[in-house]
Amino acid sequence: MADNQTFDIVHIAAFVGPRSGDLYFTDVDLDSGESTVAEPDVLTADALTSLLEVAGARPERQELPGSMVF
């Protein structure tokens, strides 16, 4: 991160794979959960956790279904 910036809020709008927790930034067939493109733009849950830690984002303390705690 440039200049040691931190981010208090990170908003992500993406499909989350129900089994893997991977984030899909490309179109997904909602019936099958499969990507509709040959090479999907995907970020693993572990990679997202690492990026959020580097960004200095604080985890949400409110427990919601499907929320990520790191």
N, C-alpha and C. Protein backbone atom coordinates (compact mmCIF):
# COMPACT_ATOMS: atom_id res chain seq x y z
N MET A 1 0.84 -1.16 0.00
CA MET A 1 0.00 0.00 0.00
C MET A 1 0.90 1.24 0.00
N ALA A 2 0.53 2.19 -0.78
CA ALA A 2 1.30 3.42 -0.87
C ALA A 2 1.10 4.28 0.37
N ASP A 3 2.16 4.88 0.85
CA ASP A 3 2.09 5.83 1.96
C ASP A 3 1.48 5.26 3.23
N ASN A 4 1.56 3.96 3.43
CA ASN A 4 1.04 3.32 4.65
C ASN A 4 -0.42 3.68 4.92
N GLN A 5 -1.23 3.79 3.88
CA GLN A 5 -2.65 4.08 4.04
C GLN A 5 -3.36 2.89 4.66
N THR A 6 -4.40 3.17 5.43
CA THR A 6 -5.28 2.13 5.94
C THR A 6 -6.70 2.45 5.49
N PHE A 7 -7.54 1.44 5.48
CA PHE A 7 -8.91 1.59 5.02
C PHE A 7 -9.85 1.03 6.08
N ASP A 8 -10.76 1.87 6.57
CA ASP A 8 -11.70 1.42 7.58
C ASP A 8 -12.86 0.64 6.98
N ILE A 9 -13.22 0.96 5.74
CA ILE A 9 -14.35 0.30 5.09
C ILE A 9 -13.90 -0.21 3.74
N VAL A 10 -14.19 -1.47 3.48
CA VAL A 10 -13.93 -2.06 2.17
C VAL A 10 -15.24 -2.67 1.70
N HIS A 11 -15.75 -2.16 0.59
CA HIS A 11 -17.01 -2.67 0.04
C HIS A 11 -16.69 -3.53 -1.18
N ILE A 12 -17.19 -4.75 -1.18
CA ILE A 12 -16.94 -5.66 -2.29
C ILE A 12 -18.28 -6.20 -2.78
N ALA A 13 -18.53 -6.05 -4.06
CA ALA A 13 -19.73 -6.59 -4.68
C ALA A 13 -19.29 -7.70 -5.63
N ALA A 14 -19.46 -8.93 -5.21
CA ALA A 14 -19.01 -10.06 -6.02
C ALA A 14 -19.78 -11.31 -5.60
N PHE A 15 -19.81 -12.29 -6.49
CA PHE A 15 -20.40 -13.58 -6.17
C PHE A 15 -19.41 -14.34 -5.30
N VAL A 16 -19.88 -14.96 -4.23
CA VAL A 16 -19.03 -15.76 -3.36
C VAL A 16 -19.39 -17.23 -3.55
N GLY A 17 -18.39 -18.03 -3.92
CA GLY A 17 -18.61 -19.46 -4.08
C GLY A 17 -19.02 -20.07 -2.74
N PRO A 18 -20.16 -20.74 -2.68
CA PRO A 18 -20.67 -21.24 -1.40
C PRO A 18 -19.79 -22.30 -0.75
N ARG A 19 -19.05 -23.05 -1.51
CA ARG A 19 -18.20 -24.09 -0.93
C ARG A 19 -16.79 -23.60 -0.66
N SER A 20 -16.23 -22.85 -1.60
CA SER A 20 -14.83 -22.43 -1.49
C SER A 20 -14.66 -21.08 -0.79
N GLY A 21 -15.67 -20.22 -0.88
CA GLY A 21 -15.54 -18.88 -0.36
C GLY A 21 -14.81 -17.95 -1.31
N ASP A 22 -14.47 -18.46 -2.50
CA ASP A 22 -13.78 -17.64 -3.51
C ASP A 22 -14.71 -16.54 -4.01
N LEU A 23 -14.14 -15.38 -4.31
CA LEU A 23 -14.88 -14.26 -4.88
C LEU A 23 -14.73 -14.27 -6.38
N TYR A 24 -15.85 -14.17 -7.09
CA TYR A 24 -15.85 -14.13 -8.55
C TYR A 24 -16.21 -12.72 -9.00
N PHE A 25 -15.32 -12.10 -9.76
CA PHE A 25 -15.56 -10.76 -10.28
C PHE A 25 -16.03 -10.80 -11.73
N THR A 26 -16.28 -11.98 -12.24
CA THR A 26 -16.85 -12.18 -13.57
C THR A 26 -18.22 -12.83 -13.40
N ASP A 27 -18.98 -12.88 -14.46
CA ASP A 27 -20.33 -13.42 -14.39
C ASP A 27 -20.34 -14.89 -13.96
N VAL A 28 -21.37 -15.22 -13.17
CA VAL A 28 -21.55 -16.58 -12.66
C VAL A 28 -22.98 -17.00 -12.91
N ASP A 29 -23.16 -18.23 -13.34
CA ASP A 29 -24.50 -18.79 -13.48
C ASP A 29 -25.03 -19.08 -12.08
N LEU A 30 -26.08 -18.39 -11.67
CA LEU A 30 -26.57 -18.52 -10.30
C LEU A 30 -27.19 -19.87 -10.01
N ASP A 31 -27.65 -20.58 -11.03
CA ASP A 31 -28.22 -21.91 -10.80
C ASP A 31 -27.13 -22.94 -10.50
N SER A 32 -26.02 -22.87 -11.25
CA SER A 32 -24.96 -23.87 -11.08
C SER A 32 -23.82 -23.38 -10.19
N GLY A 33 -23.67 -22.07 -10.05
CA GLY A 33 -22.55 -21.53 -9.29
C GLY A 33 -21.25 -21.54 -10.07
N GLU A 34 -21.32 -21.87 -11.36
CA GLU A 34 -20.14 -21.94 -12.22
C GLU A 34 -19.97 -20.64 -12.99
N SER A 35 -18.70 -20.31 -13.26
CA SER A 35 -18.42 -19.11 -14.05
C SER A 35 -18.95 -19.27 -15.46
N THR A 36 -19.36 -18.18 -16.06
CA THR A 36 -19.86 -18.21 -17.44
C THR A 36 -18.77 -17.88 -18.45
N VAL A 37 -17.55 -17.64 -17.98
CA VAL A 37 -16.43 -17.35 -18.87
C VAL A 37 -15.34 -18.40 -18.71
N ALA A 38 -14.52 -18.57 -19.74
CA ALA A 38 -13.48 -19.61 -19.73
C ALA A 38 -12.42 -19.35 -18.66
N GLU A 39 -12.03 -18.08 -18.50
CA GLU A 39 -11.01 -17.74 -17.52
C GLU A 39 -11.57 -16.71 -16.54
N PRO A 40 -12.22 -17.18 -15.48
CA PRO A 40 -12.86 -16.25 -14.55
C PRO A 40 -11.85 -15.44 -13.74
N ASP A 41 -12.27 -14.25 -13.34
CA ASP A 41 -11.48 -13.39 -12.48
C ASP A 41 -11.88 -13.74 -11.05
N VAL A 42 -11.01 -14.50 -10.37
CA VAL A 42 -11.34 -15.06 -9.06
C VAL A 42 -10.28 -14.66 -8.03
N LEU A 43 -10.72 -14.42 -6.81
CA LEU A 43 -9.83 -14.15 -5.69
C LEU A 43 -10.21 -15.12 -4.58
N THR A 44 -9.23 -15.88 -4.10
CA THR A 44 -9.53 -16.84 -3.03
C THR A 44 -9.82 -16.10 -1.73
N ALA A 45 -10.52 -16.78 -0.84
CA ALA A 45 -10.83 -16.20 0.46
C ALA A 45 -9.55 -15.89 1.23
N ASP A 46 -8.56 -16.78 1.14
CA ASP A 46 -7.28 -16.54 1.83
C ASP A 46 -6.56 -15.32 1.27
N ALA A 47 -6.59 -15.15 -0.06
CA ALA A 47 -5.94 -13.99 -0.67
C ALA A 47 -6.65 -12.70 -0.26
N LEU A 48 -7.98 -12.73 -0.20
CA LEU A 48 -8.73 -11.55 0.25
C LEU A 48 -8.36 -11.21 1.69
N THR A 49 -8.29 -12.21 2.55
CA THR A 49 -7.92 -11.99 3.94
C THR A 49 -6.56 -11.32 4.03
N SER A 50 -5.61 -11.81 3.25
CA SER A 50 -4.26 -11.23 3.25
C SER A 50 -4.28 -9.77 2.79
N LEU A 51 -5.03 -9.49 1.72
CA LEU A 51 -5.12 -8.12 1.23
C LEU A 51 -5.75 -7.18 2.26
N LEU A 52 -6.78 -7.66 2.94
CA LEU A 52 -7.43 -6.83 3.95
C LEU A 52 -6.51 -6.56 5.13
N GLU A 53 -5.71 -7.56 5.50
CA GLU A 53 -4.75 -7.36 6.58
C GLU A 53 -3.69 -6.34 6.19
N VAL A 54 -3.18 -6.43 4.96
CA VAL A 54 -2.19 -5.47 4.46
C VAL A 54 -2.78 -4.07 4.42
N ALA A 55 -4.05 -3.98 4.04
CA ALA A 55 -4.73 -2.68 3.93
C ALA A 55 -5.02 -2.07 5.30
N GLY A 56 -4.89 -2.87 6.35
CA GLY A 56 -5.18 -2.36 7.69
C GLY A 56 -6.65 -2.28 7.99
N ALA A 57 -7.48 -2.96 7.20
CA ALA A 57 -8.92 -2.95 7.44
C ALA A 57 -9.22 -3.72 8.72
N ARG A 58 -10.12 -3.18 9.49
CA ARG A 58 -10.50 -3.83 10.73
C ARG A 58 -11.68 -4.76 10.47
N PRO A 59 -11.68 -5.95 11.07
CA PRO A 59 -12.81 -6.87 10.85
C PRO A 59 -14.08 -6.34 11.48
N GLU A 60 -15.20 -6.66 10.86
CA GLU A 60 -16.51 -6.29 11.38
C GLU A 60 -16.77 -7.13 12.62
N ARG A 61 -17.17 -6.50 13.68
CA ARG A 61 -17.42 -7.22 14.94
C ARG A 61 -18.81 -7.85 14.98
N GLN A 62 -19.71 -7.37 14.17
CA GLN A 62 -21.07 -7.92 14.13
C GLN A 62 -21.05 -9.21 13.33
N GLU A 63 -21.54 -10.29 13.91
CA GLU A 63 -21.54 -11.55 13.20
C GLU A 63 -22.79 -11.66 12.34
N LEU A 64 -22.57 -11.76 11.03
CA LEU A 64 -23.65 -11.89 10.07
C LEU A 64 -23.46 -13.18 9.30
N PRO A 65 -24.54 -13.81 8.82
CA PRO A 65 -24.37 -15.01 8.00
C PRO A 65 -23.50 -14.71 6.80
N GLY A 66 -22.48 -15.52 6.59
CA GLY A 66 -21.59 -15.35 5.45
C GLY A 66 -20.53 -14.29 5.64
N SER A 67 -20.44 -13.70 6.85
CA SER A 67 -19.42 -12.67 7.05
C SER A 67 -18.06 -13.30 7.23
N MET A 68 -17.03 -12.55 6.88
CA MET A 68 -15.66 -13.04 6.98
C MET A 68 -15.02 -12.46 8.23
N VAL A 69 -14.41 -13.30 9.02
CA VAL A 69 -13.70 -12.85 10.20
C VAL A 69 -12.23 -13.18 9.99
N PHE A 70 -11.36 -12.22 10.18
CA PHE A 70 -9.92 -12.46 10.05
C PHE A 70 -9.18 -11.88 11.20
